[in-house]
Amino acid sequence: MIAFRRTAIATALVGLTVLSAAAPATASAQLAARASFPSGCASTTGYSDEGGYSGRLTVCFTEDTRYDGNVGAWVPASADSVEGRCWQKRITYNERNCKFSAKLTLKKDGQHVWTENRQLTTDYLHSGATTIRDNWRCRGEGTYSLTLHDISMLVENGGIANTWERVHPKDVTVTAKGC
């Protein structure tokens, strides 16, 4: 009788060990295994009226992490980024700081989800700051699109302090499947 119990207990422990080895160790690992976030980028470039200045905006679906209090861990998260880069043409193009503001709209399967403001004054020379990033919550599998619109963009004039030249980038949309 004692030998039977030892055999049964040993068999049960081996079974539990095999089951636990097959399962992800944490809830964040389970989320990472399931997540398939949208990815991709699209750019738009605008020029000043006289053509001496240009600015490019790039909007992307990206991936980031966020802290999930329910899980008690950092988990993968869907995210977006908007990068601004500007140049002044002299003999060659020289990179300059720029200011931009725009609206960013997220749609899923053609349905409006949210619209938020994005703005930044870049500082490529000192801090390297050219990009805004933000997390957002996926709403299930589908086709997602990010549209950057109502864009205002200024390029720093390299020769005159506190003078900014306007450039005119067009609206831009990136579309991808995911979540």
Foldseek 3Di string as FASTA:
>chain_A
DVVVVVVVVVVVVVVVVVVCVVDDPFPQVVQVVPFWEWWDKDKWKWAFPVRFKMKMKMKIWDKDWDQDPVRRGIHIFIKMKIFMWMWGDDVHTDTFWKKKKWKKWKDFPNHTDDIDIDIDTADCPPPNDGMDMDTDHDDDWTKMKIKTAPMWMWTDDPPDPPDTTTIDIHIDMDMGTTD
